[in-house]
N, C-alpha and C. Protein backbone atom coordinates (compact mmCIF):
# COMPACT_ATOMS: atom_id res chain seq x y z
N MET A 1 -4.11 14.21 12.32
CA MET A 1 -2.65 14.29 12.41
C MET A 1 -2.10 12.95 13.00
N ALA A 2 -1.03 12.57 12.46
CA ALA A 2 -0.50 11.19 12.81
C ALA A 2 1.10 11.35 13.26
N GLY A 3 1.46 10.42 14.00
CA GLY A 3 2.87 10.33 14.37
C GLY A 3 3.27 8.87 14.66
N LEU A 4 4.51 8.56 14.46
CA LEU A 4 5.03 7.26 14.45
C LEU A 4 6.35 7.20 15.30
N ALA A 5 6.60 6.28 16.11
CA ALA A 5 7.87 6.13 16.87
C ALA A 5 8.35 4.80 16.68
N LEU A 6 9.68 4.66 16.67
CA LEU A 6 10.33 3.33 16.54
C LEU A 6 11.40 3.23 17.50
N ALA A 7 11.60 2.04 18.09
CA ALA A 7 12.68 2.00 19.15
C ALA A 7 13.21 0.57 19.14
N GLY A 8 14.55 0.49 19.60
CA GLY A 8 15.14 -0.95 19.59
C GLY A 8 16.48 -0.97 19.96
N PRO A 9 17.13 -2.12 20.24
CA PRO A 9 18.53 -2.20 20.42
C PRO A 9 19.36 -1.64 19.24
N THR A 10 20.48 -1.07 19.57
CA THR A 10 21.38 -0.49 18.55
C THR A 10 21.67 -1.58 17.47
N GLY A 11 22.21 -2.74 17.88
CA GLY A 11 22.61 -3.72 16.90
C GLY A 11 21.46 -4.08 15.98
N ALA A 12 20.35 -4.32 16.48
CA ALA A 12 19.22 -4.69 15.56
C ALA A 12 18.84 -3.64 14.56
N VAL A 13 18.93 -2.34 15.12
CA VAL A 13 18.56 -1.21 14.21
C VAL A 13 19.68 -1.09 13.04
N LEU A 14 20.95 -1.22 13.41
CA LEU A 14 21.99 -1.24 12.46
C LEU A 14 21.89 -2.37 11.39
N ALA A 15 21.52 -3.55 11.86
CA ALA A 15 21.39 -4.60 10.96
C ALA A 15 20.22 -4.38 9.96
N ALA A 16 19.12 -3.80 10.50
CA ALA A 16 18.03 -3.49 9.70
C ALA A 16 18.16 -2.32 8.67
N ALA A 17 19.11 -1.38 9.09
CA ALA A 17 19.34 -0.15 8.24
C ALA A 17 20.30 -0.40 7.16
N GLY A 18 21.01 -1.56 7.17
CA GLY A 18 21.94 -1.83 6.13
C GLY A 18 23.21 -0.87 6.28
N ASP A 19 23.73 -0.47 5.14
CA ASP A 19 24.99 0.45 5.09
C ASP A 19 24.55 1.74 5.39
N VAL A 20 24.86 2.18 6.54
CA VAL A 20 24.50 3.53 7.07
C VAL A 20 25.21 4.69 6.31
N ARG A 21 26.24 4.32 5.63
CA ARG A 21 26.96 5.38 4.76
C ARG A 21 26.05 5.75 3.60
N GLU A 22 25.08 4.99 3.29
CA GLU A 22 24.16 5.35 2.12
C GLU A 22 22.92 6.17 2.70
N LEU A 23 22.88 6.32 4.01
CA LEU A 23 21.74 7.06 4.64
C LEU A 23 22.22 8.43 5.20
N LEU A 24 23.37 8.36 5.87
CA LEU A 24 23.73 9.54 6.68
C LEU A 24 24.51 10.51 5.80
N THR A 25 24.55 11.74 6.24
CA THR A 25 25.36 12.85 5.52
C THR A 25 26.87 12.73 5.93
N ARG A 26 27.61 13.41 5.28
CA ARG A 26 29.03 13.34 5.62
C ARG A 26 29.27 14.05 7.01
N THR A 27 28.52 15.01 7.29
CA THR A 27 28.52 15.72 8.62
C THR A 27 28.25 14.70 9.70
N GLU A 28 27.17 13.90 9.55
CA GLU A 28 26.76 12.86 10.46
C GLU A 28 27.87 11.89 10.74
N LEU A 29 28.47 11.43 9.63
CA LEU A 29 29.44 10.36 9.63
C LEU A 29 30.66 10.91 10.40
N ASP A 30 31.03 12.24 10.16
CA ASP A 30 32.15 12.78 10.84
C ASP A 30 31.98 12.95 12.19
N ARG A 31 30.73 13.28 12.56
CA ARG A 31 30.35 13.56 14.03
C ARG A 31 30.49 12.16 14.77
N ALA A 32 29.96 11.07 14.18
CA ALA A 32 30.10 9.79 14.71
C ALA A 32 31.56 9.30 14.82
N GLY A 33 32.36 9.65 13.80
CA GLY A 33 33.74 9.25 13.83
C GLY A 33 34.47 9.94 14.90
N ALA A 34 34.13 11.07 15.29
CA ALA A 34 34.74 11.87 16.42
C ALA A 34 34.59 11.25 17.79
N LEU A 35 33.63 10.41 17.95
CA LEU A 35 33.31 9.91 19.25
C LEU A 35 34.33 8.82 19.66
N ARG A 36 34.79 8.86 20.85
CA ARG A 36 35.85 8.00 21.31
C ARG A 36 35.48 6.47 21.45
N SER A 37 34.14 6.33 21.90
CA SER A 37 33.71 4.93 22.38
C SER A 37 33.10 4.27 21.03
N ALA A 38 33.40 3.03 20.75
CA ALA A 38 32.73 2.35 19.66
C ALA A 38 31.25 2.24 20.00
N GLY A 39 30.82 2.02 21.14
CA GLY A 39 29.47 1.90 21.46
C GLY A 39 28.71 3.15 21.22
N ASP A 40 29.33 4.32 21.65
CA ASP A 40 28.74 5.63 21.30
C ASP A 40 28.65 5.88 19.82
N ARG A 41 29.70 5.43 19.07
CA ARG A 41 29.57 5.61 17.60
C ARG A 41 28.45 4.90 17.08
N GLU A 42 28.23 3.61 17.51
CA GLU A 42 27.18 2.80 16.96
C GLU A 42 25.82 3.33 17.29
N ASP A 43 25.76 3.74 18.55
CA ASP A 43 24.43 4.34 18.99
C ASP A 43 24.04 5.57 18.12
N PHE A 44 25.04 6.43 17.86
CA PHE A 44 24.88 7.62 17.17
C PHE A 44 24.34 7.26 15.70
N LEU A 45 25.11 6.38 15.04
CA LEU A 45 24.91 5.91 13.67
C LEU A 45 23.44 5.35 13.62
N ALA A 46 23.04 4.50 14.64
CA ALA A 46 21.72 3.80 14.70
C ALA A 46 20.68 4.80 14.82
N ALA A 47 20.78 5.76 15.66
CA ALA A 47 19.63 6.69 15.96
C ALA A 47 19.43 7.56 14.73
N HIS A 48 20.47 8.02 14.09
CA HIS A 48 20.46 8.90 12.88
C HIS A 48 19.98 8.07 11.77
N ALA A 49 20.15 6.72 11.60
CA ALA A 49 19.52 5.85 10.57
C ALA A 49 18.01 5.65 10.82
N LEU A 50 17.77 5.34 12.17
CA LEU A 50 16.42 5.13 12.52
C LEU A 50 15.43 6.28 12.36
N VAL A 51 15.78 7.49 12.49
CA VAL A 51 14.99 8.53 12.37
C VAL A 51 14.64 8.68 10.90
N ARG A 52 15.44 8.33 10.00
CA ARG A 52 15.11 8.33 8.62
C ARG A 52 14.10 7.26 8.24
N LEU A 53 14.37 6.03 8.79
CA LEU A 53 13.46 4.90 8.67
C LEU A 53 12.01 5.25 9.15
N CYS A 54 11.98 5.81 10.24
CA CYS A 54 10.82 6.33 10.82
C CYS A 54 10.04 7.27 10.06
N ALA A 55 10.68 8.30 9.60
CA ALA A 55 10.23 9.39 8.85
C ALA A 55 9.75 8.86 7.38
N GLY A 56 10.55 8.00 6.84
CA GLY A 56 10.09 7.42 5.57
C GLY A 56 8.92 6.51 5.63
N ARG A 57 8.75 5.81 6.73
CA ARG A 57 7.56 5.02 6.88
C ARG A 57 6.30 5.97 7.12
N LEU A 58 6.42 6.99 7.78
CA LEU A 58 5.32 7.84 8.02
C LEU A 58 4.93 8.68 6.60
N LEU A 59 5.92 8.97 5.80
CA LEU A 59 5.64 9.66 4.78
C LEU A 59 5.46 8.91 3.49
N GLY A 60 5.78 7.60 3.52
CA GLY A 60 5.71 6.71 2.38
C GLY A 60 6.85 6.98 1.35
N ARG A 61 7.99 7.35 1.93
CA ARG A 61 9.12 7.65 1.05
C ARG A 61 10.29 6.81 1.46
N PRO A 62 11.23 6.56 0.60
CA PRO A 62 12.48 5.84 0.85
C PRO A 62 13.37 6.67 1.84
N ALA A 63 13.87 5.83 2.79
CA ALA A 63 14.72 6.57 3.77
C ALA A 63 15.96 7.17 3.16
N GLN A 64 16.40 6.64 2.03
CA GLN A 64 17.67 7.03 1.40
C GLN A 64 17.46 8.41 0.83
N GLY A 65 16.20 8.77 0.54
CA GLY A 65 15.86 10.09 0.03
C GLY A 65 15.67 11.19 1.02
N LEU A 66 15.85 10.90 2.30
CA LEU A 66 15.63 11.96 3.36
C LEU A 66 16.97 12.44 3.89
N THR A 67 17.03 13.66 4.09
CA THR A 67 18.27 14.23 4.70
C THR A 67 17.92 14.90 6.09
N VAL A 68 18.63 14.51 6.97
CA VAL A 68 18.41 15.08 8.45
C VAL A 68 19.63 16.06 8.65
N VAL A 69 19.22 17.26 9.20
CA VAL A 69 20.27 18.25 9.53
C VAL A 69 19.88 18.76 10.89
N GLN A 70 20.91 19.27 11.70
CA GLN A 70 20.72 19.75 12.97
C GLN A 70 21.46 21.01 13.09
N SER A 71 20.83 22.01 13.62
CA SER A 71 21.47 23.28 14.02
C SER A 71 20.68 23.94 15.11
N CYS A 72 21.52 24.72 16.01
CA CYS A 72 20.86 25.23 17.09
C CYS A 72 20.32 26.73 17.03
N GLY A 73 20.60 27.34 15.87
CA GLY A 73 20.19 28.71 15.66
C GLY A 73 21.02 29.79 16.04
N SER A 74 22.06 29.39 17.00
CA SER A 74 22.88 30.44 17.56
C SER A 74 24.36 30.28 17.23
N CYS A 75 24.70 29.15 16.51
CA CYS A 75 26.11 28.89 16.04
C CYS A 75 26.01 28.11 14.78
N ASP A 76 27.24 27.74 14.17
CA ASP A 76 27.36 26.92 13.01
C ASP A 76 27.52 25.48 13.34
N ARG A 77 27.65 25.06 14.55
CA ARG A 77 27.90 23.64 14.93
C ARG A 77 26.62 22.81 14.64
N PRO A 78 26.74 21.61 14.17
CA PRO A 78 25.69 20.74 13.73
C PRO A 78 25.20 20.06 15.05
N HIS A 79 24.40 20.83 15.84
CA HIS A 79 23.65 20.14 16.94
C HIS A 79 22.42 20.95 17.15
N GLY A 80 21.62 20.40 18.00
CA GLY A 80 20.29 20.97 18.16
C GLY A 80 19.15 20.13 17.63
N ARG A 81 18.01 20.66 17.59
CA ARG A 81 16.79 19.88 17.04
C ARG A 81 16.90 19.47 15.60
N PRO A 82 16.76 18.23 15.38
CA PRO A 82 16.82 17.67 13.90
C PRO A 82 15.69 18.12 13.07
N ARG A 83 15.89 18.21 11.85
CA ARG A 83 14.80 18.50 10.82
C ARG A 83 15.00 17.86 9.53
N LEU A 84 14.01 17.67 8.73
CA LEU A 84 14.14 17.10 7.51
C LEU A 84 14.12 18.16 6.38
N VAL A 85 15.13 18.03 5.64
CA VAL A 85 15.25 19.14 4.45
C VAL A 85 14.20 18.92 3.45
N GLU A 86 13.80 17.70 3.18
CA GLU A 86 12.83 17.38 2.11
C GLU A 86 11.40 17.56 2.62
N ALA A 87 11.21 17.59 3.96
CA ALA A 87 9.82 17.66 4.40
C ALA A 87 9.84 18.53 5.73
N PRO A 88 10.15 19.83 5.48
CA PRO A 88 10.31 20.65 6.71
C PRO A 88 9.12 20.72 7.59
N GLY A 89 7.95 20.38 7.16
CA GLY A 89 6.70 20.43 8.04
C GLY A 89 6.49 19.22 8.81
N THR A 90 7.37 18.30 8.64
CA THR A 90 7.32 16.94 9.42
C THR A 90 8.25 17.14 10.60
N GLY A 91 7.66 16.81 11.77
CA GLY A 91 8.66 16.91 13.00
C GLY A 91 9.30 15.67 13.12
N VAL A 92 10.61 15.70 13.51
CA VAL A 92 11.37 14.43 13.77
C VAL A 92 12.21 14.73 15.11
N SER A 93 12.46 13.55 15.64
CA SER A 93 13.19 13.50 16.94
C SER A 93 14.04 12.18 16.99
N LEU A 94 15.18 12.20 17.72
CA LEU A 94 15.85 10.96 17.88
C LEU A 94 16.59 11.04 19.31
N ALA A 95 16.93 9.73 19.74
CA ALA A 95 17.56 9.57 21.00
C ALA A 95 18.35 8.30 21.04
N HIS A 96 19.42 8.20 21.83
CA HIS A 96 20.16 7.03 22.02
C HIS A 96 20.81 7.10 23.43
N ALA A 97 20.96 5.73 23.84
CA ALA A 97 21.54 5.59 25.40
C ALA A 97 21.96 4.27 25.53
N ARG A 98 23.28 4.05 25.50
CA ARG A 98 24.01 2.74 25.98
C ARG A 98 23.27 1.55 25.25
N GLY A 99 23.34 1.52 24.00
CA GLY A 99 22.92 0.37 23.25
C GLY A 99 21.45 0.31 22.91
N TRP A 100 20.79 1.53 23.10
CA TRP A 100 19.28 1.61 22.73
C TRP A 100 19.12 2.84 21.96
N VAL A 101 18.20 2.89 20.93
CA VAL A 101 17.98 3.97 20.19
C VAL A 101 16.36 4.17 19.94
N ALA A 102 16.00 5.43 19.77
CA ALA A 102 14.62 5.69 19.45
C ALA A 102 14.52 6.82 18.51
N ALA A 103 13.38 6.86 17.72
CA ALA A 103 13.28 7.96 16.80
C ALA A 103 11.68 8.12 16.70
N ALA A 104 11.36 9.31 16.38
CA ALA A 104 9.82 9.58 16.11
C ALA A 104 9.79 10.57 15.01
N ALA A 105 8.54 10.52 14.21
CA ALA A 105 8.19 11.39 13.11
C ALA A 105 6.71 11.72 13.22
N ALA A 106 6.33 12.97 12.98
CA ALA A 106 4.98 13.37 13.15
C ALA A 106 4.51 14.45 12.32
N ASP A 107 3.19 14.73 12.11
CA ASP A 107 2.71 15.84 11.34
C ASP A 107 2.67 17.09 12.21
N GLY A 108 3.82 17.34 12.85
CA GLY A 108 3.83 18.43 13.80
C GLY A 108 4.98 18.19 14.83
N PRO A 109 5.12 19.04 15.88
CA PRO A 109 6.24 18.85 16.78
C PRO A 109 6.13 17.40 17.52
N VAL A 110 7.30 16.96 17.67
CA VAL A 110 7.36 15.62 18.44
C VAL A 110 8.77 15.49 19.11
N GLY A 111 8.73 14.81 20.19
CA GLY A 111 9.96 14.71 21.05
C GLY A 111 10.06 13.27 21.50
N VAL A 112 11.21 12.57 21.50
CA VAL A 112 11.43 11.23 21.90
C VAL A 112 12.67 11.11 22.85
N ASP A 113 12.65 10.27 23.81
CA ASP A 113 13.72 9.98 24.56
C ASP A 113 13.79 8.52 25.05
N VAL A 114 14.92 7.97 25.22
CA VAL A 114 15.09 6.49 25.71
C VAL A 114 16.30 6.51 26.58
N GLU A 115 16.15 5.72 27.60
CA GLU A 115 17.23 5.41 28.51
C GLU A 115 17.39 3.94 28.88
N ALA A 116 18.63 3.40 28.92
CA ALA A 116 18.85 2.08 29.38
C ALA A 116 18.66 1.96 30.97
N VAL A 117 18.07 0.92 31.26
CA VAL A 117 17.70 0.84 32.79
C VAL A 117 19.07 0.57 33.53
N GLY A 118 19.73 -0.47 33.26
CA GLY A 118 21.02 -0.82 33.96
C GLY A 118 20.69 -1.20 35.36
N ASP A 119 21.82 -1.20 36.11
CA ASP A 119 21.74 -1.61 37.58
C ASP A 119 22.28 -0.39 38.36
N GLY A 120 22.06 -0.51 39.67
CA GLY A 120 22.56 0.49 40.68
C GLY A 120 21.45 1.33 41.32
N PRO A 121 21.76 2.04 42.29
CA PRO A 121 20.75 2.95 43.01
C PRO A 121 20.37 4.18 42.20
N VAL A 122 19.37 4.81 42.70
CA VAL A 122 18.92 6.13 42.21
C VAL A 122 19.92 7.20 42.70
N ASP A 123 20.30 8.04 41.89
CA ASP A 123 21.19 9.23 42.19
C ASP A 123 20.14 10.26 42.70
N TRP A 124 19.92 10.27 43.99
CA TRP A 124 18.88 11.14 44.59
C TRP A 124 19.13 12.59 44.49
N ARG A 125 20.41 12.86 44.37
CA ARG A 125 20.84 14.37 44.10
C ARG A 125 20.27 14.83 42.74
N THR A 126 20.47 13.99 41.75
CA THR A 126 19.93 14.28 40.40
C THR A 126 18.49 14.28 40.40
N ALA A 127 17.87 13.26 41.13
CA ALA A 127 16.43 13.18 41.20
C ALA A 127 15.83 14.38 41.77
N SER A 128 16.37 14.87 42.78
CA SER A 128 15.85 16.08 43.55
C SER A 128 15.94 17.26 42.65
N SER A 129 16.86 17.35 41.71
CA SER A 129 17.05 18.51 40.91
C SER A 129 16.10 18.56 39.68
N VAL A 130 15.50 17.33 39.31
CA VAL A 130 14.58 17.35 38.16
C VAL A 130 13.21 16.94 38.50
N CYS A 131 12.96 16.51 39.69
CA CYS A 131 11.50 16.08 40.06
C CYS A 131 10.96 17.02 41.06
N THR A 132 9.62 17.09 41.14
CA THR A 132 8.93 17.84 42.13
C THR A 132 8.80 16.95 43.42
N GLU A 133 8.43 17.61 44.52
CA GLU A 133 8.35 16.91 45.85
C GLU A 133 7.38 15.71 45.67
N LYS A 134 6.17 15.94 44.92
CA LYS A 134 5.23 14.95 44.71
C LYS A 134 5.87 13.74 43.97
N GLU A 135 6.59 14.05 43.01
CA GLU A 135 7.20 12.89 42.22
C GLU A 135 8.30 12.21 42.99
N LEU A 136 9.16 12.98 43.88
CA LEU A 136 10.01 12.34 44.68
C LEU A 136 9.42 11.43 45.66
N ALA A 137 8.33 11.79 46.22
CA ALA A 137 7.59 10.97 47.24
C ALA A 137 7.21 9.71 46.59
N ALA A 138 6.66 9.73 45.40
CA ALA A 138 6.28 8.51 44.65
C ALA A 138 7.46 7.67 44.33
N LEU A 139 8.64 8.22 43.88
CA LEU A 139 9.81 7.54 43.61
C LEU A 139 10.20 6.70 44.89
N ARG A 140 10.28 7.34 46.03
CA ARG A 140 10.75 6.78 47.24
C ARG A 140 9.87 5.61 47.73
N SER A 141 8.64 5.61 47.31
CA SER A 141 7.70 4.59 47.73
C SER A 141 7.56 3.41 46.65
N ASP A 142 8.23 3.65 45.60
CA ASP A 142 8.16 2.65 44.45
C ASP A 142 9.00 1.38 44.80
N SER A 143 8.74 0.21 44.40
CA SER A 143 9.45 -0.91 44.58
C SER A 143 10.77 -1.00 43.79
N ASP A 144 10.83 -0.26 42.64
CA ASP A 144 11.89 -0.05 41.74
C ASP A 144 12.15 1.45 41.51
N PRO A 145 12.80 2.13 42.57
CA PRO A 145 12.91 3.62 42.32
C PRO A 145 13.69 4.01 41.08
N ARG A 146 14.73 3.20 40.76
CA ARG A 146 15.49 3.61 39.59
C ARG A 146 14.80 3.67 38.40
N ARG A 147 13.99 2.53 38.14
CA ARG A 147 13.16 2.44 36.95
C ARG A 147 12.12 3.58 36.89
N ALA A 148 11.50 3.77 38.07
CA ALA A 148 10.44 4.81 38.17
C ALA A 148 11.03 6.19 37.96
N PHE A 149 12.28 6.42 38.46
CA PHE A 149 12.95 7.82 38.05
C PHE A 149 13.20 7.92 36.57
N LEU A 150 13.70 6.90 35.99
CA LEU A 150 14.00 6.84 34.54
C LEU A 150 12.74 7.10 33.68
N ARG A 151 11.63 6.55 34.03
CA ARG A 151 10.38 6.72 33.38
C ARG A 151 9.96 8.27 33.44
N GLN A 152 10.14 8.88 34.66
CA GLN A 152 9.82 10.18 34.75
C GLN A 152 10.77 11.18 33.97
N TRP A 153 12.13 10.68 33.92
CA TRP A 153 13.06 11.41 33.25
C TRP A 153 12.87 11.51 31.72
N VAL A 154 12.41 10.21 31.16
CA VAL A 154 12.35 10.19 29.68
C VAL A 154 10.99 11.10 29.33
N ARG A 155 10.06 11.01 30.23
CA ARG A 155 8.95 11.85 29.98
C ARG A 155 9.30 13.37 29.84
N LYS A 156 9.87 13.76 30.83
CA LYS A 156 10.43 15.16 30.89
C LYS A 156 11.22 15.52 29.81
N GLU A 157 12.21 14.57 29.41
CA GLU A 157 13.14 14.83 28.34
C GLU A 157 12.44 15.00 26.97
N SER A 158 11.41 14.10 26.73
CA SER A 158 10.67 14.11 25.53
C SER A 158 9.97 15.55 25.42
N LEU A 159 9.44 16.03 26.55
CA LEU A 159 8.72 17.31 26.50
C LEU A 159 9.69 18.42 26.23
N VAL A 160 10.92 18.35 26.81
CA VAL A 160 11.98 19.38 26.57
C VAL A 160 12.36 19.42 25.03
N LYS A 161 12.42 18.11 24.37
CA LYS A 161 12.69 17.95 22.94
C LYS A 161 11.72 18.57 22.13
N VAL A 162 10.41 18.48 22.58
CA VAL A 162 9.38 18.96 21.79
C VAL A 162 9.11 20.52 21.94
N GLY A 163 9.87 21.09 22.87
CA GLY A 163 9.74 22.57 23.09
C GLY A 163 8.74 22.92 24.12
N ALA A 164 8.29 21.96 24.91
CA ALA A 164 7.31 22.32 25.99
C ALA A 164 8.02 22.65 27.32
N GLY A 165 9.24 22.49 27.44
CA GLY A 165 9.96 22.82 28.68
C GLY A 165 11.40 23.09 28.34
N THR A 166 12.36 23.39 29.29
CA THR A 166 13.67 23.51 29.08
C THR A 166 14.49 22.66 30.11
N LEU A 167 15.82 22.46 29.72
CA LEU A 167 16.56 21.72 30.68
C LEU A 167 16.94 22.41 31.88
N ASP A 168 16.73 23.70 31.82
CA ASP A 168 16.92 24.58 33.02
C ASP A 168 15.95 24.43 34.10
N GLU A 169 14.80 23.83 33.73
CA GLU A 169 13.63 23.90 34.79
C GLU A 169 12.96 22.49 34.75
N PRO A 170 13.52 21.32 34.61
CA PRO A 170 12.72 20.15 34.60
C PRO A 170 11.86 19.92 35.81
N ALA A 171 12.24 20.53 36.86
CA ALA A 171 11.41 20.26 38.13
C ALA A 171 10.07 21.07 37.99
N ARG A 172 9.97 21.91 37.02
CA ARG A 172 8.72 22.76 36.87
C ARG A 172 7.80 21.91 36.03
N ILE A 173 8.22 20.98 35.35
CA ILE A 173 7.35 20.03 34.53
C ILE A 173 6.71 19.07 35.59
N ASP A 174 5.67 19.36 36.16
CA ASP A 174 4.98 18.60 37.21
C ASP A 174 4.03 17.59 36.61
N LEU A 175 4.67 16.34 36.35
CA LEU A 175 4.01 15.22 35.61
C LEU A 175 3.20 14.34 36.50
N PRO A 176 2.22 13.64 35.99
CA PRO A 176 1.62 12.54 36.66
C PRO A 176 2.72 11.38 36.86
N VAL A 177 2.72 10.62 37.98
CA VAL A 177 3.67 9.70 38.20
C VAL A 177 3.24 8.64 37.11
N TYR A 178 4.36 7.93 36.60
CA TYR A 178 4.04 6.91 35.56
C TYR A 178 3.10 5.88 36.15
N GLY A 179 2.13 5.51 35.31
CA GLY A 179 1.10 4.49 35.78
C GLY A 179 -0.11 5.24 36.13
N GLN A 180 -0.13 6.55 36.38
CA GLN A 180 -1.30 7.32 36.79
C GLN A 180 -1.84 8.03 35.57
N GLU A 181 -3.06 7.87 35.26
CA GLU A 181 -3.73 8.51 34.02
C GLU A 181 -4.36 9.80 34.35
N PRO A 182 -4.42 10.68 33.41
CA PRO A 182 -3.99 10.59 31.85
C PRO A 182 -2.53 10.88 31.76
N PRO A 183 -1.85 10.29 30.89
CA PRO A 183 -0.45 10.64 30.68
C PRO A 183 -0.42 11.83 29.66
N ARG A 184 -0.86 13.09 30.16
CA ARG A 184 -0.73 14.34 29.40
C ARG A 184 -0.18 15.36 30.27
N TRP A 185 0.16 16.46 29.50
CA TRP A 185 0.74 17.65 30.28
C TRP A 185 0.52 18.85 29.36
N ARG A 186 -0.40 19.83 29.89
CA ARG A 186 -0.58 21.11 29.31
C ARG A 186 -0.71 21.08 27.81
N GLY A 187 -1.61 20.10 27.31
CA GLY A 187 -1.86 20.15 25.85
C GLY A 187 -0.99 19.07 25.13
N TRP A 188 -0.15 18.40 25.79
CA TRP A 188 0.81 17.43 25.18
C TRP A 188 0.43 16.06 25.67
N ARG A 189 0.40 15.09 24.84
CA ARG A 189 0.21 13.71 25.23
C ARG A 189 1.52 12.90 25.24
N LEU A 190 1.52 11.97 26.20
CA LEU A 190 2.82 11.11 26.30
C LEU A 190 2.58 9.77 26.06
N LEU A 191 3.35 9.13 25.14
CA LEU A 191 3.15 7.73 24.90
C LEU A 191 4.46 6.94 25.44
N ASP A 192 4.22 6.21 26.52
CA ASP A 192 5.37 5.53 27.24
C ASP A 192 5.52 4.21 26.66
N TRP A 193 6.77 3.72 26.69
CA TRP A 193 7.03 2.25 26.56
C TRP A 193 8.14 1.84 27.44
N GLY A 194 8.41 0.50 27.60
CA GLY A 194 9.61 0.09 28.43
C GLY A 194 9.50 -1.40 28.51
N GLY A 195 10.72 -1.93 28.75
CA GLY A 195 10.87 -3.31 28.93
C GLY A 195 11.87 -3.60 30.11
N ALA A 196 12.51 -4.70 30.12
CA ALA A 196 13.50 -5.08 31.23
C ALA A 196 14.73 -4.20 30.95
N GLN A 197 15.07 -3.79 29.83
CA GLN A 197 16.38 -3.18 29.56
C GLN A 197 16.33 -1.74 29.21
N ALA A 198 15.21 -1.16 28.80
CA ALA A 198 15.10 0.22 28.45
C ALA A 198 13.74 0.78 28.57
N VAL A 199 13.54 2.12 28.83
CA VAL A 199 12.36 2.79 28.99
C VAL A 199 12.40 4.05 28.01
N GLY A 200 11.21 4.39 27.49
CA GLY A 200 11.21 5.63 26.52
C GLY A 200 9.88 6.18 26.69
N CYS A 201 9.81 7.42 25.90
CA CYS A 201 8.59 8.15 25.81
C CYS A 201 8.63 9.02 24.64
N VAL A 202 7.45 9.27 24.04
CA VAL A 202 7.24 10.20 22.88
C VAL A 202 6.24 11.16 23.42
N ALA A 203 6.50 12.46 23.11
CA ALA A 203 5.60 13.66 23.38
C ALA A 203 5.14 14.20 22.03
N ALA A 204 3.84 14.54 22.01
CA ALA A 204 3.28 15.20 20.77
C ALA A 204 1.97 15.87 21.21
N ARG A 205 1.43 16.72 20.42
CA ARG A 205 0.17 17.22 20.68
C ARG A 205 -0.93 16.30 21.07
N GLU A 206 -1.85 16.76 21.84
CA GLU A 206 -2.93 15.95 22.26
C GLU A 206 -3.74 15.29 21.18
N GLU A 207 -3.88 16.15 20.09
CA GLU A 207 -4.72 15.58 19.00
C GLU A 207 -3.98 14.66 18.05
N MET A 208 -2.73 14.41 18.36
CA MET A 208 -1.87 13.66 17.50
C MET A 208 -2.27 12.06 17.68
N ARG A 209 -2.45 11.31 16.57
CA ARG A 209 -2.53 9.91 16.67
C ARG A 209 -1.22 9.17 16.68
N LEU A 210 -0.70 8.79 17.83
CA LEU A 210 0.63 8.17 17.90
C LEU A 210 0.62 6.68 17.87
N ARG A 211 1.53 6.22 17.05
CA ARG A 211 1.87 4.68 17.01
C ARG A 211 3.18 4.32 17.37
N LEU A 212 3.40 3.35 18.25
CA LEU A 212 4.76 2.82 18.52
C LEU A 212 5.04 1.46 17.87
N LEU A 213 6.11 1.37 17.13
CA LEU A 213 6.50 0.12 16.50
C LEU A 213 7.88 -0.27 16.98
N GLY A 214 8.10 -1.53 17.17
CA GLY A 214 9.50 -1.93 17.52
C GLY A 214 9.68 -2.30 19.08
């Protein structure tokens, strides 16, 4: 089983994708157009283009021939976990955050998340609601607690997206602190990445061979 993840700045992804109108569906373009911020619109378009590029590379198919749809199963609104119409057995996931986007595709369930690092202190109220006491202790002793928190957050979010947890109980996902091995949780493996401006994570089954590009 194989999986692939791609990540990068929004501008670079849009430049590589070309005319996104040739890639995205009318529903996706309308959703992007409804966003008030130009930055949010670009992030949305880039993420939805990148997930096709990622899936196309994994499958050996042109991105232009892949259709991404989203539905939550309880309403008719176009949101929820994305899927490929042409390859329903291939798992896909996408994420975007303030000028950064990420996408993943795999021969099975996969979840990806990305966060821009930015400046400022940790919101300890939020951290306390999503981290265990062990995680909080590690964050407080870290030389860069904001980055440390975001690394834990993208890990948890990737597990939520893959269906291994829920947003209602992120504190119950008791993860090893970033940098402590092995980066696994209850049968799922985590592939972390990060630089000065953004951090991210992909979650997939332990037997999955994951590659990160970009």
